[in-house]
Amino acid sequence: MRDKLLPFDRRMEMLFMLVNRYRITRRELAEVFSVSDDTIDRDLIILTRYVPISITRGCAGGVEILNNYTGIIHKHLSQDEIDLLKKYQNNATEADKLILKRIIYKFSAPEARI
């Protein structure tokens, strides 16, 4: 699914997945990123330096971010995503135009908001 990501990019995508999902297995992560379980283990070791990740082994196990984590993680829209939203914004109602504008502002990198 996510071919040819650099290790840093893969780890960031893993982090976003963990933030947005309650729990995921190591095997699922390996399948999503088309890497080995060992690679996922190494990535998780590195991520645990920065984020409190819990890894539970066994049939009820999985990987998750601890509930008390209060860090804020931002993933910005790509330029292609911004362009698509702006395209739809042109054909939207006035109320929807304002909503799309707020979405672009909220999720765009600061330099893309201009």
C-alpha atoms as a PDB file:
ATOM      1  CA  MET A   1       0.000   0.000   0.000  1.00  0.00           C
ATOM      2  CA  ARG A   2       2.675   2.507   0.944  1.00  0.00           C
ATOM      3  CA  ASP A   3       5.501   1.507  -1.355  1.00  0.00           C
ATOM      4  CA  LYS A   4       9.015   2.876  -1.180  1.00  0.00           C
ATOM      5  CA  LEU A   5       8.633   5.085   1.859  1.00  0.00           C
ATOM      6  CA  LEU A   6      11.809   6.195   3.532  1.00  0.00           C
ATOM      7  CA  PRO A   7      12.164   4.835   7.083  1.00  0.00           C
ATOM      8  CA  PHE A   8      11.368   8.252   8.561  1.00  0.00           C
ATOM      9  CA  ASP A   9       8.221   8.570   6.440  1.00  0.00           C
ATOM     10  CA  ARG A  10       7.116   5.045   7.335  1.00  0.00           C
ATOM     11  CA  ARG A  11       7.574   5.756  11.038  1.00  0.00           C
ATOM     12  CA  MET A  12       5.594   8.983  10.786  1.00  0.00           C
ATOM     13  CA  GLU A  13       2.781   7.189   8.956  1.00  0.00           C
ATOM     14  CA  MET A  14       2.850   4.509  11.670  1.00  0.00           C
ATOM     15  CA  LEU A  15       2.561   7.206  14.293  1.00  0.00           C
ATOM     16  CA  PHE A  16      -0.432   8.769  12.543  1.00  0.00           C
ATOM     17  CA  MET A  17      -2.071   5.357  12.324  1.00  0.00           C
ATOM     18  CA  LEU A  18      -1.546   4.793  16.041  1.00  0.00           C
ATOM     19  CA  VAL A  19      -2.974   8.195  16.891  1.00  0.00           C
ATOM     20  CA  ASN A  20      -6.070   7.539  14.783  1.00  0.00           C
ATOM     21  CA  ARG A  21      -6.667   3.912  15.789  1.00  0.00           C
ATOM     22  CA  TYR A  22      -7.050   2.471  19.232  1.00  0.00           C
ATOM     23  CA  ARG A  23      -4.847  -0.560  18.601  1.00  0.00           C
ATOM     24  CA  ILE A  24      -3.166  -2.276  15.669  1.00  0.00           C
ATOM     25  CA  THR A  25      -1.080  -5.433  15.500  1.00  0.00           C
ATOM     26  CA  ARG A  26       2.541  -5.608  14.441  1.00  0.00           C
ATOM     27  CA  ARG A  27       1.505  -7.976  11.645  1.00  0.00           C
ATOM     28  CA  GLU A  28      -1.046  -5.463  10.321  1.00  0.00           C
ATOM     29  CA  LEU A  29       1.604  -2.735  10.334  1.00  0.00           C
ATOM     30  CA  ALA A  30       4.015  -5.009   8.472  1.00  0.00           C
ATOM     31  CA  GLU A  31       1.364  -5.767   5.842  1.00  0.00           C
ATOM     32  CA  VAL A  32       0.337  -2.131   5.398  1.00  0.00           C
ATOM     33  CA  PHE A  33       3.924  -1.005   4.840  1.00  0.00           C
ATOM     34  CA  SER A  34       5.112  -4.161   3.023  1.00  0.00           C
ATOM     35  CA  VAL A  35       7.993  -4.728   5.411  1.00  0.00           C
ATOM     36  CA  SER A  36       9.002  -7.511   7.785  1.00  0.00           C
ATOM     37  CA  ASP A  37       7.935  -7.882  11.398  1.00  0.00           C
ATOM     38  CA  ASP A  38      11.556  -7.218  12.365  1.00  0.00           C
ATOM     39  CA  THR A  39      11.483  -3.868  10.545  1.00  0.00           C
ATOM     40  CA  ILE A  40       8.283  -2.945  12.390  1.00  0.00           C
ATOM     41  CA  ASP A  41       9.926  -3.927  15.688  1.00  0.00           C
ATOM     42  CA  ARG A  42      12.896  -1.649  14.950  1.00  0.00           C
ATOM     43  CA  ASP A  43      10.565   1.188  13.948  1.00  0.00           C
ATOM     44  CA  LEU A  44       8.562   0.780  17.162  1.00  0.00           C
ATOM     45  CA  ILE A  45      11.733   0.866  19.256  1.00  0.00           C
ATOM     46  CA  ILE A  46      12.657   4.173  17.649  1.00  0.00           C
ATOM     47  CA  LEU A  47       9.127   5.589  18.045  1.00  0.00           C
ATOM     48  CA  THR A  48       9.079   4.685  21.753  1.00  0.00           C
ATOM     49  CA  ARG A  49      11.877   7.214  22.242  1.00  0.00           C
ATOM     50  CA  TYR A  50       9.419   9.986  21.414  1.00  0.00           C
ATOM     51  CA  VAL A  51       5.916   8.680  22.120  1.00  0.00           C
ATOM     52  CA  PRO A  52       4.685   6.402  24.932  1.00  0.00           C
ATOM     53  CA  ILE A  53       3.809   3.283  22.942  1.00  0.00           C
ATOM     54  CA  SER A  54       2.563   0.108  24.577  1.00  0.00           C
ATOM     55  CA  ILE A  55       3.288  -3.208  22.871  1.00  0.00           C
ATOM     56  CA  THR A  56       1.378  -6.243  24.119  1.00  0.00           C
ATOM     57  CA  ARG A  57       2.196  -9.696  22.793  1.00  0.00           C
ATOM     58  CA  GLY A  58      -0.216 -12.579  22.424  1.00  0.00           C
ATOM     59  CA  CYS A  59      -3.618 -13.168  20.851  1.00  0.00           C
ATOM     60  CA  ALA A  60      -5.132 -10.059  22.501  1.00  0.00           C
ATOM     61  CA  GLY A  61      -2.002  -8.025  21.912  1.00  0.00           C
ATOM     62  CA  GLY A  62      -1.228  -5.092  19.729  1.00  0.00           C
ATOM     63  CA  VAL A  63       0.466  -1.752  19.532  1.00  0.00           C
ATOM     64  CA  GLU A  64      -1.131   1.392  20.915  1.00  0.00           C
ATOM     65  CA  ILE A  65      -0.286   4.817  22.242  1.00  0.00           C
ATOM     66  CA  LEU A  66      -0.829   5.094  25.979  1.00  0.00           C
ATOM     67  CA  ASN A  67      -3.973   6.961  27.017  1.00  0.00           C
ATOM     68  CA  ASN A  68      -2.107   9.634  28.954  1.00  0.00           C
ATOM     69  CA  TYR A  69      -0.207  10.867  25.901  1.00  0.00           C
ATOM     70  CA  THR A  70      -0.937  14.567  25.407  1.00  0.00           C
ATOM     71  CA  GLY A  71       1.359  15.369  22.508  1.00  0.00           C
ATOM     72  CA  ILE A  72      -0.130  17.020  19.492  1.00  0.00           C
ATOM     73  CA  ILE A  73       0.665  15.581  16.102  1.00  0.00           C
ATOM     74  CA  HIS A  74      -0.135  17.517  12.951  1.00  0.00           C
ATOM     75  CA  LYS A  75      -0.260  16.059   9.488  1.00  0.00           C
ATOM     76  CA  HIS A  76      -0.661  18.723   6.836  1.00  0.00           C
ATOM     77  CA  LEU A  77      -2.442  18.490   3.527  1.00  0.00           C
ATOM     78  CA  SER A  78      -0.297  17.903   0.459  1.00  0.00           C
ATOM     79  CA  GLN A  79      -0.359  20.478  -2.309  1.00  0.00           C
ATOM     80  CA  ASP A  80      -2.413  18.068  -4.439  1.00  0.00           C
ATOM     81  CA  GLU A  81      -5.004  17.802  -1.661  1.00  0.00           C
ATOM     82  CA  ILE A  82      -5.130  21.578  -1.275  1.00  0.00           C
ATOM     83  CA  ASP A  83      -5.548  22.038  -5.032  1.00  0.00           C
ATOM     84  CA  LEU A  84      -8.406  19.523  -5.106  1.00  0.00           C
ATOM     85  CA  LEU A  85     -10.196  21.219  -2.216  1.00  0.00           C
ATOM     86  CA  LYS A  86      -9.788  24.600  -3.926  1.00  0.00           C
ATOM     87  CA  LYS A  87     -11.219  23.101  -7.125  1.00  0.00           C
ATOM     88  CA  TYR A  88     -14.303  21.932  -5.225  1.00  0.00           C
ATOM     89  CA  GLN A  89     -14.449  25.240  -3.405  1.00  0.00           C
ATOM     90  CA  ASN A  90     -14.990  27.050  -6.726  1.00  0.00           C
ATOM     91  CA  ASN A  91     -18.176  25.051  -7.402  1.00  0.00           C
ATOM     92  CA  ALA A  92     -19.520  25.059  -3.850  1.00  0.00           C
ATOM     93  CA  THR A  93     -22.270  27.087  -2.254  1.00  0.00           C
ATOM     94  CA  GLU A  94     -21.208  30.146  -0.289  1.00  0.00           C
ATOM     95  CA  ALA A  95     -21.632  28.318   3.036  1.00  0.00           C
ATOM     96  CA  ASP A  96     -19.606  25.334   1.775  1.00  0.00           C
ATOM     97  CA  LYS A  97     -16.914  27.660   0.416  1.00  0.00           C
ATOM     98  CA  LEU A  98     -16.365  28.997   3.919  1.00  0.00           C
ATOM     99  CA  ILE A  99     -16.147  25.483   5.359  1.00  0.00           C
ATOM    100  CA  LEU A 100     -13.661  24.376   2.690  1.00  0.00           C
ATOM    101  CA  LYS A 101     -11.608  27.520   3.295  1.00  0.00           C
ATOM    102  CA  ARG A 102     -11.463  26.726   7.031  1.00  0.00           C
ATOM    103  CA  ILE A 103     -10.434  23.116   6.283  1.00  0.00           C
ATOM    104  CA  ILE A 104      -7.636  24.302   4.010  1.00  0.00           C
ATOM    105  CA  TYR A 105      -6.463  26.801   6.616  1.00  0.00           C
ATOM    106  CA  LYS A 106      -6.726  24.331   9.488  1.00  0.00           C
ATOM    107  CA  PHE A 107      -4.846  21.466   7.837  1.00  0.00           C
ATOM    108  CA  SER A 108      -2.402  23.247   5.531  1.00  0.00           C
ATOM    109  CA  ALA A 109       1.207  23.858   6.381  1.00  0.00           C
ATOM    110  CA  PRO A 110       1.675  27.525   7.388  1.00  0.00           C
ATOM    111  CA  GLU A 111       3.427  28.466   4.125  1.00  0.00           C
ATOM    112  CA  ALA A 112       0.514  27.025   2.078  1.00  0.00           C
ATOM    113  CA  ARG A 113      -2.112  29.197   3.794  1.00  0.00           C
ATOM    114  CA  ILE A 114      -1.116  32.340   1.929  1.00  0.00           C
END
